[in-house]
Amino acid sequence: MKRVTLIPSHQMTLFGPRFTIYTKDGKSYTKQSTGREFMWDFNEGGAPYPRRLPGLPIRAPQFEDIIVTCRDLDRQDRADKLIQLTLKKE
């Protein structure tokens, strides 16, 4: 693997970059993303997220609270509620 440099462009969306991979045999493969690949809706069925992975340093109930808060973030009384939910609970 090699490091890559992301170069901003006025012609592409922020989350819609174009990737080109060059293989050792001289071929290249380019994929233009639209940005939609990084979006998902909490209310859509079958969305790949949110799923709590085993080994996360956060308890399941706290994780569920984070998901509910993210889904309803525009209805929260305080924006820092999400930050508070990410802090370690004793």
N, C-alpha and C. Protein backbone atom coordinates (compact mmCIF):
# COMPACT_ATOMS: atom_id res chain seq x y z
N MET A 1 0.85 -1.18 0.00
CA MET A 1 0.00 0.00 0.00
C MET A 1 0.89 1.24 0.00
N LYS A 2 0.38 2.26 -0.62
CA LYS A 2 1.06 3.54 -0.62
C LYS A 2 0.09 4.60 -0.12
N ARG A 3 0.66 5.61 0.45
CA ARG A 3 -0.17 6.74 0.87
C ARG A 3 -0.70 7.45 -0.37
N VAL A 4 -1.84 8.07 -0.21
CA VAL A 4 -2.42 8.82 -1.32
C VAL A 4 -2.63 10.26 -0.87
N THR A 5 -2.73 11.13 -1.83
CA THR A 5 -3.02 12.53 -1.56
C THR A 5 -4.39 12.84 -2.14
N LEU A 6 -5.25 13.41 -1.34
CA LEU A 6 -6.56 13.83 -1.82
C LEU A 6 -6.45 15.29 -2.22
N ILE A 7 -6.80 15.55 -3.45
CA ILE A 7 -6.73 16.91 -3.98
C ILE A 7 -8.15 17.42 -4.20
N PRO A 8 -8.54 18.50 -3.50
CA PRO A 8 -9.89 19.01 -3.67
C PRO A 8 -10.13 19.51 -5.09
N SER A 9 -11.38 19.43 -5.49
CA SER A 9 -11.74 19.88 -6.82
C SER A 9 -13.07 20.63 -6.75
N HIS A 10 -13.18 21.67 -7.52
CA HIS A 10 -14.45 22.41 -7.57
C HIS A 10 -15.48 21.67 -8.42
N GLN A 11 -15.06 20.64 -9.13
CA GLN A 11 -15.97 19.91 -10.00
C GLN A 11 -16.55 18.67 -9.36
N MET A 12 -16.06 18.30 -8.17
CA MET A 12 -16.56 17.10 -7.50
C MET A 12 -17.06 17.48 -6.11
N THR A 13 -17.98 16.68 -5.60
CA THR A 13 -18.49 16.92 -4.26
C THR A 13 -17.42 16.55 -3.25
N LEU A 14 -17.55 17.06 -2.04
CA LEU A 14 -16.57 16.79 -0.99
C LEU A 14 -16.45 15.30 -0.70
N PHE A 15 -17.57 14.62 -0.65
CA PHE A 15 -17.56 13.19 -0.34
C PHE A 15 -17.75 12.35 -1.59
N GLY A 16 -17.42 12.89 -2.74
CA GLY A 16 -17.54 12.16 -4.00
C GLY A 16 -16.24 12.15 -4.77
N PRO A 17 -15.18 11.63 -4.17
CA PRO A 17 -13.89 11.68 -4.86
C PRO A 17 -13.77 10.65 -5.99
N ARG A 18 -12.78 10.84 -6.82
CA ARG A 18 -12.43 9.87 -7.86
C ARG A 18 -11.17 9.16 -7.40
N PHE A 19 -11.21 7.83 -7.41
CA PHE A 19 -10.07 7.02 -7.01
C PHE A 19 -9.50 6.32 -8.23
N THR A 20 -8.20 6.31 -8.34
CA THR A 20 -7.54 5.51 -9.37
C THR A 20 -6.50 4.64 -8.67
N ILE A 21 -6.58 3.36 -8.94
CA ILE A 21 -5.64 2.40 -8.37
C ILE A 21 -4.78 1.86 -9.50
N TYR A 22 -3.48 1.91 -9.30
CA TYR A 22 -2.53 1.41 -10.28
C TYR A 22 -1.96 0.09 -9.77
N THR A 23 -2.06 -0.95 -10.56
CA THR A 23 -1.55 -2.25 -10.15
C THR A 23 -0.14 -2.47 -10.70
N LYS A 24 0.54 -3.47 -10.15
CA LYS A 24 1.92 -3.73 -10.54
C LYS A 24 2.05 -4.14 -12.01
N ASP A 25 0.99 -4.68 -12.59
CA ASP A 25 1.06 -5.10 -13.99
C ASP A 25 0.80 -3.95 -14.97
N GLY A 26 0.72 -2.71 -14.45
CA GLY A 26 0.57 -1.55 -15.30
C GLY A 26 -0.86 -1.13 -15.58
N LYS A 27 -1.83 -1.88 -15.10
CA LYS A 27 -3.24 -1.52 -15.32
C LYS A 27 -3.68 -0.50 -14.27
N SER A 28 -4.72 0.22 -14.60
CA SER A 28 -5.29 1.16 -13.64
C SER A 28 -6.80 1.00 -13.62
N TYR A 29 -7.37 1.23 -12.48
CA TYR A 29 -8.81 1.12 -12.28
C TYR A 29 -9.29 2.40 -11.61
N THR A 30 -10.28 3.05 -12.22
CA THR A 30 -10.79 4.31 -11.69
C THR A 30 -12.25 4.14 -11.30
N LYS A 31 -12.59 4.69 -10.17
CA LYS A 31 -13.97 4.68 -9.69
C LYS A 31 -14.33 6.08 -9.26
N GLN A 32 -15.40 6.63 -9.80
CA GLN A 32 -15.90 7.95 -9.42
C GLN A 32 -17.07 7.73 -8.48
N SER A 33 -16.95 8.20 -7.26
CA SER A 33 -18.07 8.07 -6.33
C SER A 33 -18.92 9.34 -6.40
N THR A 34 -20.15 9.21 -5.95
CA THR A 34 -21.09 10.33 -6.01
C THR A 34 -21.23 11.04 -4.68
N GLY A 35 -20.79 10.38 -3.62
CA GLY A 35 -21.00 10.90 -2.28
C GLY A 35 -22.16 10.19 -1.60
N ARG A 36 -23.06 9.63 -2.38
CA ARG A 36 -24.20 8.90 -1.82
C ARG A 36 -23.74 7.62 -1.12
N GLU A 37 -22.56 7.13 -1.46
CA GLU A 37 -22.05 5.91 -0.85
C GLU A 37 -21.82 6.09 0.65
N PHE A 38 -21.64 7.34 1.08
CA PHE A 38 -21.33 7.62 2.47
C PHE A 38 -22.55 8.07 3.26
N MET A 39 -23.71 8.07 2.63
CA MET A 39 -24.93 8.52 3.29
C MET A 39 -25.83 7.34 3.62
N TRP A 40 -26.51 7.44 4.72
CA TRP A 40 -27.51 6.45 5.07
C TRP A 40 -28.54 7.11 5.95
N ASP A 41 -29.68 6.50 6.01
CA ASP A 41 -30.82 7.06 6.73
C ASP A 41 -31.13 6.15 7.91
N PHE A 42 -31.25 6.72 9.09
CA PHE A 42 -31.56 5.93 10.28
C PHE A 42 -32.89 5.20 10.15
N ASN A 43 -33.80 5.74 9.36
CA ASN A 43 -35.13 5.15 9.27
C ASN A 43 -35.27 4.13 8.15
N GLU A 44 -34.26 4.04 7.27
CA GLU A 44 -34.35 3.06 6.19
C GLU A 44 -34.12 1.66 6.75
N GLY A 45 -34.90 0.75 6.31
CA GLY A 45 -34.69 -0.63 6.71
C GLY A 45 -33.49 -1.21 5.98
N GLY A 46 -32.75 -2.06 6.67
CA GLY A 46 -31.63 -2.74 6.04
C GLY A 46 -30.39 -1.90 5.84
N ALA A 47 -30.33 -0.73 6.47
CA ALA A 47 -29.12 0.09 6.35
C ALA A 47 -27.95 -0.64 6.97
N PRO A 48 -26.76 -0.53 6.40
CA PRO A 48 -25.62 -1.25 6.94
C PRO A 48 -25.17 -0.77 8.32
N TYR A 49 -25.60 0.40 8.71
CA TYR A 49 -25.30 0.94 10.02
C TYR A 49 -26.61 1.30 10.65
N PRO A 50 -26.77 1.43 11.86
CA PRO A 50 -25.78 1.28 12.91
C PRO A 50 -25.75 -0.14 13.45
N ARG A 51 -24.59 -0.68 13.58
CA ARG A 51 -24.39 -1.97 14.22
C ARG A 51 -23.24 -1.83 15.20
N ARG A 52 -23.45 -2.29 16.38
CA ARG A 52 -22.38 -2.25 17.39
C ARG A 52 -21.51 -3.47 17.18
N LEU A 53 -20.24 -3.24 16.95
CA LEU A 53 -19.30 -4.33 16.73
C LEU A 53 -18.76 -4.83 18.06
N PRO A 54 -18.54 -6.14 18.17
CA PRO A 54 -17.95 -6.67 19.41
C PRO A 54 -16.58 -6.04 19.65
N GLY A 55 -16.28 -5.79 20.88
CA GLY A 55 -14.97 -5.23 21.21
C GLY A 55 -14.94 -3.72 21.29
N LEU A 56 -16.03 -3.05 20.93
CA LEU A 56 -16.05 -1.59 21.06
C LEU A 56 -15.98 -1.21 22.53
N PRO A 57 -15.22 -0.19 22.87
CA PRO A 57 -15.11 0.19 24.28
C PRO A 57 -16.29 1.03 24.75
N ILE A 58 -17.47 0.57 24.43
CA ILE A 58 -18.69 1.28 24.81
C ILE A 58 -19.78 0.23 25.05
N ARG A 59 -20.51 0.42 26.11
CA ARG A 59 -21.57 -0.55 26.44
C ARG A 59 -22.73 -0.43 25.46
N ALA A 60 -23.43 -1.53 25.27
CA ALA A 60 -24.54 -1.57 24.30
C ALA A 60 -25.61 -0.52 24.58
N PRO A 61 -26.07 -0.34 25.84
CA PRO A 61 -27.10 0.69 26.07
C PRO A 61 -26.63 2.11 25.71
N GLN A 62 -25.37 2.41 26.00
CA GLN A 62 -24.83 3.72 25.66
C GLN A 62 -24.76 3.88 24.14
N PHE A 63 -24.38 2.83 23.44
CA PHE A 63 -24.34 2.86 21.98
C PHE A 63 -25.73 3.12 21.42
N GLU A 64 -26.71 2.44 21.96
CA GLU A 64 -28.09 2.64 21.48
C GLU A 64 -28.56 4.07 21.73
N ASP A 65 -28.17 4.66 22.87
CA ASP A 65 -28.52 6.06 23.15
C ASP A 65 -27.88 7.00 22.12
N ILE A 66 -26.65 6.70 21.72
CA ILE A 66 -25.97 7.51 20.71
C ILE A 66 -26.73 7.44 19.39
N ILE A 67 -27.16 6.24 19.00
CA ILE A 67 -27.89 6.06 17.75
C ILE A 67 -29.21 6.83 17.77
N VAL A 68 -29.94 6.73 18.87
CA VAL A 68 -31.22 7.44 18.99
C VAL A 68 -31.00 8.95 18.95
N THR A 69 -29.97 9.43 19.63
CA THR A 69 -29.68 10.87 19.65
C THR A 69 -29.28 11.36 18.26
N CYS A 70 -28.46 10.58 17.55
CA CYS A 70 -28.08 10.96 16.18
C CYS A 70 -29.31 11.03 15.27
N ARG A 71 -30.18 10.05 15.40
CA ARG A 71 -31.37 10.01 14.55
C ARG A 71 -32.25 11.24 14.78
N ASP A 72 -32.33 11.69 16.02
CA ASP A 72 -33.20 12.81 16.37
C ASP A 72 -32.41 14.05 16.76
N LEU A 73 -31.23 14.22 16.21
CA LEU A 73 -30.35 15.32 16.62
C LEU A 73 -31.00 16.69 16.45
N ASP A 74 -31.77 16.85 15.40
CA ASP A 74 -32.41 18.16 15.18
C ASP A 74 -33.51 18.45 16.20
N ARG A 75 -33.90 17.47 16.98
CA ARG A 75 -34.95 17.66 17.99
C ARG A 75 -34.40 17.73 19.41
N GLN A 76 -33.09 17.66 19.56
CA GLN A 76 -32.48 17.67 20.89
C GLN A 76 -32.49 19.08 21.47
N ASP A 77 -32.63 19.16 22.79
CA ASP A 77 -32.61 20.46 23.46
C ASP A 77 -31.22 21.09 23.41
N ARG A 78 -30.19 20.24 23.50
CA ARG A 78 -28.82 20.73 23.52
C ARG A 78 -27.97 19.91 22.55
N ALA A 79 -27.14 20.60 21.78
CA ALA A 79 -26.29 19.92 20.81
C ALA A 79 -25.20 19.10 21.47
N ASP A 80 -24.80 19.48 22.69
CA ASP A 80 -23.72 18.74 23.34
C ASP A 80 -24.17 17.41 23.94
N LYS A 81 -25.44 17.06 23.81
CA LYS A 81 -25.91 15.77 24.31
C LYS A 81 -25.15 14.63 23.63
N LEU A 82 -24.93 14.75 22.36
CA LEU A 82 -24.21 13.71 21.63
C LEU A 82 -22.78 13.57 22.15
N ILE A 83 -22.14 14.67 22.42
CA ILE A 83 -20.77 14.63 22.97
C ILE A 83 -20.78 13.94 24.33
N GLN A 84 -21.73 14.30 25.17
CA GLN A 84 -21.81 13.67 26.49
C GLN A 84 -21.99 12.15 26.39
N LEU A 85 -22.73 11.71 25.40
CA LEU A 85 -22.97 10.27 25.24
C LEU A 85 -21.72 9.51 24.77
N THR A 86 -20.76 10.22 24.22
CA THR A 86 -19.55 9.53 23.76
C THR A 86 -18.50 9.41 24.85
N LEU A 87 -18.71 10.07 25.99
CA LEU A 87 -17.76 10.01 27.08
C LEU A 87 -17.90 8.70 27.84
N LYS A 88 -16.79 8.24 28.37
CA LYS A 88 -16.78 6.98 29.11
C LYS A 88 -17.66 7.08 30.35
N LYS A 89 -18.47 6.07 30.54
CA LYS A 89 -19.35 5.99 31.70
C LYS A 89 -18.71 5.09 32.74
N GLU A 90 -18.78 5.49 33.98
CA GLU A 90 -18.19 4.69 35.06
C GLU A 90 -19.22 3.76 35.65
